[in-house]
Amino acid sequence: MQQDERPLVGSRGHLYDHIALSVNNLDAWVAKLRSEGVKILEQPYKLGDMRAVMIEGPSLEALELVEIK
């Protein structure tokens, strides 16, 4: 949450780089978020035997959605 007048900056490359959240159906989430205009920072990619996508949150923080099956 912005607490002063300075502009927000993205979290990538900082000590607190991103937060990861698990989802059941990555393709459905990506389609929903795209339709709502959410910025995709990294297109879906392999993460071990899973898939993930990196999006930008409302305060410019990076959020990783990891598909868990």
PDB file of N, CA and C in Angstrom:
ATOM      1  N   MET A   1       0.840  -1.173   0.000  1.00  0.00           N
ATOM      2  CA  MET A   1       0.000   0.000   0.000  1.00  0.00           C
ATOM      3  C   MET A   1       0.889   1.242   0.000  1.00  0.00           C
ATOM      4  N   GLN A   2       0.559   2.180  -0.862  1.00  0.00           N
ATOM      5  CA  GLN A   2       1.331   3.419  -0.956  1.00  0.00           C
ATOM      6  C   GLN A   2       1.078   4.271   0.280  1.00  0.00           C
ATOM      7  N   GLN A   3       2.176   4.665   0.950  1.00  0.00           N
ATOM      8  CA  GLN A   3       2.045   5.399   2.200  1.00  0.00           C
ATOM      9  C   GLN A   3       2.533   6.840   2.121  1.00  0.00           C
ATOM     10  N   ASP A   4       3.053   7.245   0.973  1.00  0.00           N
ATOM     11  CA  ASP A   4       3.467   8.635   0.804  1.00  0.00           C
ATOM     12  C   ASP A   4       3.312   9.029  -0.656  1.00  0.00           C
ATOM     13  N   GLU A   5       3.862  10.158  -1.031  1.00  0.00           N
ATOM     14  CA  GLU A   5       3.667  10.700  -2.376  1.00  0.00           C
ATOM     15  C   GLU A   5       4.613  10.126  -3.432  1.00  0.00           C
ATOM     16  N   ARG A   6       5.634   9.374  -3.003  1.00  0.00           N
ATOM     17  CA  ARG A   6       6.566   8.813  -3.982  1.00  0.00           C
ATOM     18  C   ARG A   6       5.857   7.773  -4.848  1.00  0.00           C
ATOM     19  N   PRO A   7       6.179   7.713  -6.154  1.00  0.00           N
ATOM     20  CA  PRO A   7       5.525   6.728  -7.028  1.00  0.00           C
ATOM     21  C   PRO A   7       5.931   5.304  -6.653  1.00  0.00           C
ATOM     22  N   LEU A   8       5.020   4.372  -6.878  1.00  0.00           N
ATOM     23  CA  LEU A   8       5.309   2.967  -6.623  1.00  0.00           C
ATOM     24  C   LEU A   8       6.309   2.449  -7.645  1.00  0.00           C
ATOM     25  N   VAL A   9       7.087   1.448  -7.269  1.00  0.00           N
ATOM     26  CA  VAL A   9       8.017   0.784  -8.183  1.00  0.00           C
ATOM     27  C   VAL A   9       7.780  -0.713  -8.099  1.00  0.00           C
ATOM     28  N   GLY A  10       8.103  -1.425  -9.166  1.00  0.00           N
ATOM     29  CA  GLY A  10       7.948  -2.875  -9.190  1.00  0.00           C
ATOM     30  C   GLY A  10       8.886  -3.560  -8.213  1.00  0.00           C
ATOM     31  N   SER A  11       8.543  -4.780  -7.835  1.00  0.00           N
ATOM     32  CA  SER A  11       9.329  -5.517  -6.837  1.00  0.00           C
ATOM     33  C   SER A  11      10.416  -6.393  -7.453  1.00  0.00           C
ATOM     34  N   ARG A  12      10.403  -6.593  -8.769  1.00  0.00           N
ATOM     35  CA  ARG A  12      11.380  -7.486  -9.404  1.00  0.00           C
ATOM     36  C   ARG A  12      12.801  -6.965  -9.193  1.00  0.00           C
ATOM     37  N   GLY A  13      13.704  -7.882  -8.827  1.00  0.00           N
ATOM     38  CA  GLY A  13      15.096  -7.525  -8.628  1.00  0.00           C
ATOM     39  C   GLY A  13      15.425  -7.021  -7.240  1.00  0.00           C
ATOM     40  N   HIS A  14      14.440  -6.913  -6.385  1.00  0.00           N
ATOM     41  CA  HIS A  14      14.653  -6.479  -5.011  1.00  0.00           C
ATOM     42  C   HIS A  14      14.691  -7.698  -4.094  1.00  0.00           C
ATOM     43  N   LEU A  15      15.083  -7.498  -2.848  1.00  0.00           N
ATOM     44  CA  LEU A  15      15.129  -8.591  -1.877  1.00  0.00           C
ATOM     45  C   LEU A  15      13.786  -9.312  -1.815  1.00  0.00           C
ATOM     46  N   TYR A  16      12.708  -8.565  -1.786  1.00  0.00           N
ATOM     47  CA  TYR A  16      11.350  -9.092  -1.803  1.00  0.00           C
ATOM     48  C   TYR A  16      10.897  -9.059  -3.259  1.00  0.00           C
ATOM     49  N   ASP A  17      11.327 -10.056  -4.049  1.00  0.00           N
ATOM     50  CA  ASP A  17      11.148 -10.060  -5.489  1.00  0.00           C
ATOM     51  C   ASP A  17       9.706 -10.349  -5.909  1.00  0.00           C
ATOM     52  N   HIS A  18       9.097 -11.392  -5.334  1.00  0.00           N
ATOM     53  CA  HIS A  18       7.729 -11.743  -5.712  1.00  0.00           C
ATOM     54  C   HIS A  18       7.092 -12.653  -4.669  1.00  0.00           C
ATOM     55  N   ILE A  19       5.789 -12.836  -4.821  1.00  0.00           N
ATOM     56  CA  ILE A  19       5.009 -13.751  -3.990  1.00  0.00           C
ATOM     57  C   ILE A  19       4.465 -14.815  -4.926  1.00  0.00           C
ATOM     58  N   ALA A  20       4.474 -16.075  -4.498  1.00  0.00           N
ATOM     59  CA  ALA A  20       3.921 -17.158  -5.309  1.00  0.00           C
ATOM     60  C   ALA A  20       2.627 -17.666  -4.682  1.00  0.00           C
ATOM     61  N   LEU A  21       1.654 -17.908  -5.542  1.00  0.00           N
ATOM     62  CA  LEU A  21       0.361 -18.441  -5.134  1.00  0.00           C
ATOM     63  C   LEU A  21       0.055 -19.667  -5.992  1.00  0.00           C
ATOM     64  N   SER A  22      -0.611 -20.665  -5.428  1.00  0.00           N
ATOM     65  CA  SER A  22      -0.951 -21.855  -6.206  1.00  0.00           C
ATOM     66  C   SER A  22      -2.362 -21.731  -6.780  1.00  0.00           C
ATOM     67  N   VAL A  23      -2.539 -22.273  -7.986  1.00  0.00           N
ATOM     68  CA  VAL A  23      -3.840 -22.320  -8.658  1.00  0.00           C
ATOM     69  C   VAL A  23      -4.027 -23.717  -9.241  1.00  0.00           C
ATOM     70  N   ASN A  24      -5.285 -24.088  -9.481  1.00  0.00           N
ATOM     71  CA  ASN A  24      -5.572 -25.413 -10.050  1.00  0.00           C
ATOM     72  C   ASN A  24      -5.522 -25.436 -11.566  1.00  0.00           C
ATOM     73  N   ASN A  25      -5.964 -24.367 -12.223  1.00  0.00           N
ATOM     74  CA  ASN A  25      -6.045 -24.331 -13.675  1.00  0.00           C
ATOM     75  C   ASN A  25      -5.381 -23.052 -14.180  1.00  0.00           C
ATOM     76  N   LEU A  26      -4.113 -23.143 -14.514  1.00  0.00           N
ATOM     77  CA  LEU A  26      -3.341 -21.961 -14.913  1.00  0.00           C
ATOM     78  C   LEU A  26      -3.917 -21.306 -16.164  1.00  0.00           C
ATOM     79  N   ASP A  27      -4.304 -22.105 -17.153  1.00  0.00           N
ATOM     80  CA  ASP A  27      -4.825 -21.539 -18.399  1.00  0.00           C
ATOM     81  C   ASP A  27      -6.082 -20.698 -18.145  1.00  0.00           C
ATOM     82  N   ALA A  28      -6.975 -21.181 -17.301  1.00  0.00           N
ATOM     83  CA  ALA A  28      -8.195 -20.433 -16.985  1.00  0.00           C
ATOM     84  C   ALA A  28      -7.865 -19.120 -16.274  1.00  0.00           C
ATOM     85  N   TRP A  29      -6.908 -19.156 -15.349  1.00  0.00           N
ATOM     86  CA  TRP A  29      -6.514 -17.938 -14.633  1.00  0.00           C
ATOM     87  C   TRP A  29      -5.875 -16.936 -15.579  1.00  0.00           C
ATOM     88  N   VAL A  30      -5.002 -17.404 -16.456  1.00  0.00           N
ATOM     89  CA  VAL A  30      -4.339 -16.500 -17.406  1.00  0.00           C
ATOM     90  C   VAL A  30      -5.382 -15.852 -18.315  1.00  0.00           C
ATOM     91  N   ALA A  31      -6.335 -16.631 -18.813  1.00  0.00           N
ATOM     92  CA  ALA A  31      -7.380 -16.081 -19.681  1.00  0.00           C
ATOM     93  C   ALA A  31      -8.209 -15.027 -18.934  1.00  0.00           C
ATOM     94  N   LYS A  32      -8.590 -15.317 -17.696  1.00  0.00           N
ATOM     95  CA  LYS A  32      -9.386 -14.378 -16.895  1.00  0.00           C
ATOM     96  C   LYS A  32      -8.609 -13.081 -16.646  1.00  0.00           C
ATOM     97  N   LEU A  33      -7.351 -13.218 -16.237  1.00  0.00           N
ATOM     98  CA  LEU A  33      -6.548 -12.041 -15.926  1.00  0.00           C
ATOM     99  C   LEU A  33      -6.282 -11.199 -17.170  1.00  0.00           C
ATOM    100  N   ARG A  34      -6.024 -11.843 -18.298  1.00  0.00           N
ATOM    101  CA  ARG A  34      -5.828 -11.095 -19.555  1.00  0.00           C
ATOM    102  C   ARG A  34      -7.090 -10.323 -19.913  1.00  0.00           C
ATOM    103  N   SER A  35      -8.250 -10.962 -19.756  1.00  0.00           N
ATOM    104  CA  SER A  35      -9.509 -10.293 -20.107  1.00  0.00           C
ATOM    105  C   SER A  35      -9.779  -9.089 -19.209  1.00  0.00           C
ATOM    106  N   GLU A  36      -9.182  -9.082 -18.018  1.00  0.00           N
ATOM    107  CA  GLU A  36      -9.347  -7.971 -17.082  1.00  0.00           C
ATOM    108  C   GLU A  36      -8.227  -6.942 -17.188  1.00  0.00           C
ATOM    109  N   GLY A  37      -7.317  -7.137 -18.157  1.00  0.00           N
ATOM    110  CA  GLY A  37      -6.259  -6.162 -18.405  1.00  0.00           C
ATOM    111  C   GLY A  37      -5.072  -6.236 -17.457  1.00  0.00           C
ATOM    112  N   VAL A  38      -4.925  -7.366 -16.759  1.00  0.00           N
ATOM    113  CA  VAL A  38      -3.783  -7.528 -15.845  1.00  0.00           C
ATOM    114  C   VAL A  38      -2.506  -7.676 -16.668  1.00  0.00           C
ATOM    115  N   LYS A  39      -1.452  -6.993 -16.259  1.00  0.00           N
ATOM    116  CA  LYS A  39      -0.172  -7.041 -16.966  1.00  0.00           C
ATOM    117  C   LYS A  39       0.524  -8.370 -16.690  1.00  0.00           C
ATOM    118  N   ILE A  40       0.895  -9.070 -17.758  1.00  0.00           N
ATOM    119  CA  ILE A  40       1.640 -10.325 -17.666  1.00  0.00           C
ATOM    120  C   ILE A  40       3.124  -9.976 -17.742  1.00  0.00           C
ATOM    121  N   LEU A  41       3.866 -10.259 -16.672  1.00  0.00           N
ATOM    122  CA  LEU A  41       5.304  -9.961 -16.640  1.00  0.00           C
ATOM    123  C   LEU A  41       6.109 -11.033 -17.348  1.00  0.00           C
ATOM    124  N   GLU A  42       5.705 -12.301 -17.190  1.00  0.00           N
ATOM    125  CA  GLU A  42       6.351 -13.421 -17.876  1.00  0.00           C
ATOM    126  C   GLU A  42       5.265 -14.371 -18.324  1.00  0.00           C
ATOM    127  N   GLN A  43       5.272 -14.708 -19.609  1.00  0.00           N
ATOM    128  CA  GLN A  43       4.288 -15.636 -20.154  1.00  0.00           C
ATOM    129  C   GLN A  43       4.416 -16.992 -19.449  1.00  0.00           C
ATOM    130  N   PRO A  44       3.384 -17.850 -19.525  1.00  0.00           N
ATOM    131  CA  PRO A  44       3.475 -19.166 -18.866  1.00  0.00           C
ATOM    132  C   PRO A  44       4.774 -19.892 -19.217  1.00  0.00           C
ATOM    133  N   TYR A  45       5.377 -20.491 -18.201  1.00  0.00           N
ATOM    134  CA  TYR A  45       6.665 -21.175 -18.345  1.00  0.00           C
ATOM    135  C   TYR A  45       6.685 -22.423 -17.474  1.00  0.00           C
ATOM    136  N   LYS A  46       7.615 -23.335 -17.785  1.00  0.00           N
ATOM    137  CA  LYS A  46       7.802 -24.559 -16.998  1.00  0.00           C
ATOM    138  C   LYS A  46       8.540 -24.210 -15.714  1.00  0.00           C
ATOM    139  N   LEU A  47       8.110 -24.834 -14.634  1.00  0.00           N
ATOM    140  CA  LEU A  47       8.745 -24.678 -13.326  1.00  0.00           C
ATOM    141  C   LEU A  47       8.863 -26.081 -12.750  1.00  0.00           C
ATOM    142  N   GLY A  48       9.985 -26.733 -13.044  1.00  0.00           N
ATOM    143  CA  GLY A  48      10.116 -28.151 -12.685  1.00  0.00           C
ATOM    144  C   GLY A  48       9.098 -28.951 -13.473  1.00  0.00           C
ATOM    145  N   ASP A  49       8.253 -29.726 -12.779  1.00  0.00           N
ATOM    146  CA  ASP A  49       7.205 -30.484 -13.461  1.00  0.00           C
ATOM    147  C   ASP A  49       5.861 -29.737 -13.422  1.00  0.00           C
ATOM    148  N   MET A  50       5.905 -28.457 -13.084  1.00  0.00           N
ATOM    149  CA  MET A  50       4.704 -27.620 -13.032  1.00  0.00           C
ATOM    150  C   MET A  50       4.817 -26.503 -14.060  1.00  0.00           C
ATOM    151  N   ARG A  51       3.775 -25.684 -14.140  1.00  0.00           N
ATOM    152  CA  ARG A  51       3.803 -24.485 -14.982  1.00  0.00           C
ATOM    153  C   ARG A  51       3.482 -23.285 -14.108  1.00  0.00           C
ATOM    154  N   ALA A  52       3.943 -22.108 -14.550  1.00  0.00           N
ATOM    155  CA  ALA A  52       3.714 -20.881 -13.776  1.00  0.00           C
ATOM    156  C   ALA A  52       3.637 -19.699 -14.730  1.00  0.00           C
ATOM    157  N   VAL A  53       3.153 -18.578 -14.207  1.00  0.00           N
ATOM    158  CA  VAL A  53       3.105 -17.312 -14.929  1.00  0.00           C
ATOM    159  C   VAL A  53       3.400 -16.221 -13.910  1.00  0.00           C
ATOM    160  N   MET A  54       4.004 -15.135 -14.351  1.00  0.00           N
ATOM    161  CA  MET A  54       4.291 -14.009 -13.472  1.00  0.00           C
ATOM    162  C   MET A  54       3.439 -12.838 -13.924  1.00  0.00           C
ATOM    163  N   ILE A  55       2.667 -12.265 -12.980  1.00  0.00           N
ATOM    164  CA  ILE A  55       1.810 -11.124 -13.283  1.00  0.00           C
ATOM    165  C   ILE A  55       2.169  -9.956 -12.373  1.00  0.00           C
ATOM    166  N   GLU A  56       1.643  -8.784 -12.718  1.00  0.00           N
ATOM    167  CA  GLU A  56       1.870  -7.611 -11.890  1.00  0.00           C
ATOM    168  C   GLU A  56       0.625  -7.335 -11.051  1.00  0.00           C
ATOM    169  N   GLY A  57       0.813  -7.212  -9.750  1.00  0.00           N
ATOM    170  CA  GLY A  57      -0.282  -6.932  -8.833  1.00  0.00           C
ATOM    171  C   GLY A  57      -0.655  -5.459  -8.843  1.00  0.00           C
ATOM    172  N   PRO A  58      -1.685  -5.089  -8.086  1.00  0.00           N
ATOM    173  CA  PRO A  58      -2.195  -3.719  -8.097  1.00  0.00           C
ATOM    174  C   PRO A  58      -1.225  -2.664  -7.557  1.00  0.00           C
ATOM    175  N   SER A  59      -0.248  -3.071  -6.758  1.00  0.00           N
ATOM    176  CA  SER A  59       0.748  -2.129  -6.236  1.00  0.00           C
ATOM    177  C   SER A  59       2.107  -2.334  -6.909  1.00  0.00           C
ATOM    178  N   LEU A  60       2.084  -2.889  -8.120  1.00  0.00           N
ATOM    179  CA  LEU A  60       3.262  -3.173  -8.949  1.00  0.00           C
ATOM    180  C   LEU A  60       4.113  -4.318  -8.419  1.00  0.00           C
ATOM    181  N   GLU A  61       3.628  -5.067  -7.434  1.00  0.00           N
ATOM    182  CA  GLU A  61       4.368  -6.227  -6.946  1.00  0.00           C
ATOM    183  C   GLU A  61       4.227  -7.378  -7.943  1.00  0.00           C
ATOM    184  N   ALA A  62       5.267  -8.201  -8.026  1.00  0.00           N
ATOM    185  CA  ALA A  62       5.239  -9.358  -8.914  1.00  0.00           C
ATOM    186  C   ALA A  62       4.571 -10.530  -8.179  1.00  0.00           C
ATOM    187  N   LEU A  63       3.612 -11.156  -8.852  1.00  0.00           N
ATOM    188  CA  LEU A  63       2.909 -12.309  -8.307  1.00  0.00           C
ATOM    189  C   LEU A  63       3.098 -13.477  -9.254  1.00  0.00           C
ATOM    190  N   GLU A  64       3.545 -14.607  -8.732  1.00  0.00           N
ATOM    191  CA  GLU A  64       3.730 -15.807  -9.525  1.00  0.00           C
ATOM    192  C   GLU A  64       2.583 -16.760  -9.226  1.00  0.00           C
ATOM    193  N   LEU A  65       1.877 -17.177 -10.278  1.00  0.00           N
ATOM    194  CA  LEU A  65       0.828 -18.165 -10.129  1.00  0.00           C
ATOM    195  C   LEU A  65       1.384 -19.511 -10.578  1.00  0.00           C
ATOM    196  N   VAL A  66       1.403 -20.492  -9.670  1.00  0.00           N
ATOM    197  CA  VAL A  66       1.977 -21.808  -9.944  1.00  0.00           C
ATOM    198  C   VAL A  66       0.847 -22.818 -10.005  1.00  0.00           C
ATOM    199  N   GLU A  67       0.780 -23.559 -11.115  1.00  0.00           N
ATOM    200  CA  GLU A  67      -0.271 -24.576 -11.289  1.00  0.00           C
ATOM    201  C   GLU A  67       0.082 -25.825 -10.499  1.00  0.00           C
ATOM    202  N   ILE A  68      -0.809 -26.191  -9.599  1.00  0.00           N
ATOM    203  CA  ILE A  68      -0.648 -27.398  -8.787  1.00  0.00           C
ATOM    204  C   ILE A  68      -1.726 -28.388  -9.190  1.00  0.00           C
ATOM    205  N   LYS A  69      -1.321 -29.585  -9.597  1.00  0.00           N
ATOM    206  CA  LYS A  69      -2.301 -30.603  -9.995  1.00  0.00           C
ATOM    207  C   LYS A  69      -2.168 -31.812  -9.121  1.00  0.00           C
TER     208      LYS A  69
END
